[in-house]
Amino acid sequence: MRTARRPGAYHCGIDAAIDVIGGKWKVLILWALDERPCRFGELRRLVPGVTEKVLASQLRELEEDGIVHREVYDEIPPHVEYSLTALGVSLNESLAPLGAWGRQNLLGGAYPAEAGLSDPGTRTPPAPIGTPALASRE
């Protein structure tokens, strides 16, 4: 699937990229999908605070932009999984330096264990996000 260009002219690559990842939840959804495909309910648990309506909307936009793939399995009950496309993986890789900057300059150089975050470099599944330490920054 191709990345959909939204109405309006972009002024630079950053402008275009921010259009794709803009919104409160998209980057957290991308992070959660970095490890493995997830079902909707699992994503909702990994990104606490997001409503079902907003999660569905953000996933739909990411799918339209070619960042997320939605796989529907023909089973009873219905089984749907979301995963990153190659474009989504490359987007996550490009966000890693931004995460390193935030860790160094805003979190004091390390992932705080009390925040429930895992360092993407360790390749452990992300813990639920939305602890009080981070809620004030959202």
Protein backbone atom coordinates (compact mmCIF):
# COMPACT_ATOMS: atom_id res chain seq x y z
CA MET A 1 0.00 0.00 0.00
CA ARG A 2 1.24 3.48 -0.84
CA THR A 3 1.49 6.35 1.61
CA ALA A 4 -1.51 8.61 1.10
CA ARG A 5 -0.72 12.29 0.73
CA ARG A 6 -3.09 14.50 2.64
CA PRO A 7 -4.44 17.78 1.26
CA GLY A 8 -2.16 20.78 1.49
CA ALA A 9 1.39 21.38 0.40
CA TYR A 10 4.27 20.19 2.53
CA HIS A 11 7.16 22.53 3.07
CA CYS A 12 9.76 19.90 3.90
CA GLY A 13 10.21 16.23 4.76
CA ILE A 14 9.68 16.87 8.47
CA ASP A 15 6.31 18.47 7.69
CA ALA A 16 5.28 15.41 5.68
CA ALA A 17 6.50 12.94 8.32
CA ILE A 18 4.76 14.80 11.15
CA ASP A 19 1.55 14.64 9.13
CA VAL A 20 1.80 10.84 9.18
CA ILE A 21 2.72 10.46 12.88
CA GLY A 22 0.80 13.46 14.21
CA GLY A 23 -1.62 12.87 17.02
CA LYS A 24 -1.25 11.88 20.62
CA TRP A 25 -1.27 8.11 20.14
CA LYS A 26 0.30 7.19 16.79
CA VAL A 27 3.91 7.03 17.95
CA LEU A 28 2.91 4.93 20.96
CA ILE A 29 0.97 2.58 18.65
CA LEU A 30 4.03 2.27 16.40
CA TRP A 31 6.20 1.50 19.40
CA ALA A 32 3.80 -1.17 20.63
CA LEU A 33 3.75 -2.80 17.17
CA ASP A 34 7.54 -2.76 16.91
CA GLU A 35 7.95 -6.14 18.59
CA ARG A 36 5.20 -8.26 17.06
CA PRO A 37 1.72 -8.16 15.51
CA CYS A 38 -1.01 -7.31 18.00
CA ARG A 39 -4.74 -7.71 18.18
CA PHE A 40 -6.87 -4.64 18.88
CA GLY A 41 -7.46 -5.48 22.55
CA GLU A 42 -3.78 -6.12 23.13
CA LEU A 43 -2.92 -2.75 21.60
CA ARG A 44 -5.50 -1.10 23.82
CA ARG A 45 -3.81 -2.61 26.90
CA LEU A 46 -0.33 -1.60 25.70
CA VAL A 47 -1.46 2.00 25.22
CA PRO A 48 -3.68 2.69 28.24
CA GLY A 49 -5.68 5.88 28.14
CA VAL A 50 -6.55 5.61 24.47
CA THR A 51 -10.24 5.07 23.80
CA GLU A 52 -11.46 2.35 21.45
CA LYS A 53 -12.79 4.99 19.06
CA VAL A 54 -9.50 6.90 18.91
CA LEU A 55 -7.41 3.72 18.63
CA ALA A 56 -9.54 2.50 15.73
CA SER A 57 -9.29 5.88 14.03
CA GLN A 58 -5.51 6.13 14.48
CA LEU A 59 -5.01 2.57 13.23
CA ARG A 60 -7.18 3.31 10.18
CA GLU A 61 -5.10 6.40 9.36
CA LEU A 62 -1.83 4.49 9.80
CA GLU A 63 -3.20 1.76 7.54
CA GLU A 64 -4.21 4.33 4.89
CA ASP A 65 -0.69 5.77 5.04
CA GLY A 66 0.86 2.34 4.47
CA ILE A 67 2.47 2.24 7.93
CA VAL A 68 0.32 -0.48 9.50
CA HIS A 69 -1.05 -3.66 7.92
CA ARG A 70 -4.41 -5.03 9.07
CA GLU A 71 -4.74 -8.79 8.64
CA VAL A 72 -8.23 -10.28 8.95
CA TYR A 73 -8.35 -14.02 9.58
CA ASP A 74 -11.44 -15.89 8.42
CA GLU A 75 -12.28 -17.47 11.75
CA ILE A 76 -15.10 -17.58 14.25
CA PRO A 77 -14.82 -15.40 16.28
CA PRO A 78 -13.21 -12.90 13.90
CA HIS A 79 -9.48 -12.47 14.41
CA VAL A 80 -7.74 -9.26 13.29
CA GLU A 81 -4.05 -8.49 13.80
CA TYR A 82 -2.15 -5.28 13.19
CA SER A 83 1.51 -5.24 12.22
CA LEU A 84 4.03 -2.79 10.82
CA THR A 85 4.72 -2.72 7.10
CA ALA A 86 8.28 -2.27 5.83
CA LEU A 87 7.49 1.44 5.68
CA GLY A 88 6.32 1.32 9.30
CA VAL A 89 9.50 -0.43 10.39
CA SER A 90 11.61 2.22 8.66
CA LEU A 91 9.52 4.95 10.32
CA ASN A 92 10.10 3.38 13.74
CA GLU A 93 13.83 3.23 13.01
CA SER A 94 13.83 6.92 12.12
CA LEU A 95 12.06 7.73 15.40
CA ALA A 96 14.77 5.99 17.47
CA PRO A 97 17.06 9.08 17.51
CA LEU A 98 14.13 11.19 18.68
CA GLY A 99 13.54 8.72 21.50
CA ALA A 100 17.24 8.84 22.40
CA TRP A 101 17.08 12.63 22.50
CA GLY A 102 14.06 12.55 24.82
CA ARG A 103 15.68 9.93 27.03
CA GLN A 104 18.90 11.97 27.29
CA ASN A 105 17.39 15.43 27.66
CA LEU A 106 14.06 14.88 29.36
CA LEU A 107 14.39 11.61 31.27
CA GLY A 108 17.95 12.11 32.53
CA GLY A 109 19.66 9.60 30.26
CA ALA A 110 17.86 6.38 31.19
CA TYR A 111 14.52 4.72 31.01
CA PRO A 112 12.95 5.07 34.42
CA ALA A 113 11.84 1.66 35.65
CA GLU A 114 8.93 3.24 37.47
CA ALA A 115 7.58 4.58 34.17
CA GLY A 116 7.08 1.03 32.90
CA LEU A 117 9.01 1.69 29.68
CA SER A 118 11.43 -0.70 28.07
CA ASP A 119 14.42 0.46 26.08
CA PRO A 120 13.81 -0.41 22.40
CA GLY A 121 17.45 -1.50 22.14
CA THR A 122 16.80 -4.40 24.51
CA ARG A 123 14.10 -5.83 22.22
CA THR A 124 11.75 -6.64 25.09
CA PRO A 125 8.02 -6.14 24.57
CA PRO A 126 6.85 -2.67 25.57
CA ALA A 127 5.16 -2.36 28.92
CA PRO A 128 1.91 -0.42 29.24
CA ILE A 129 2.36 3.30 28.81
CA GLY A 130 0.62 6.05 30.72
CA THR A 131 2.08 6.05 34.20
CA PRO A 132 1.72 9.23 36.29
CA ALA A 133 5.33 10.21 35.50
CA LEU A 134 4.51 10.37 31.80
CA ALA A 135 0.89 11.43 32.01
CA SER A 136 1.90 15.00 32.84
CA ARG A 137 3.91 15.22 29.59
CA GLU A 138 1.11 13.98 27.34
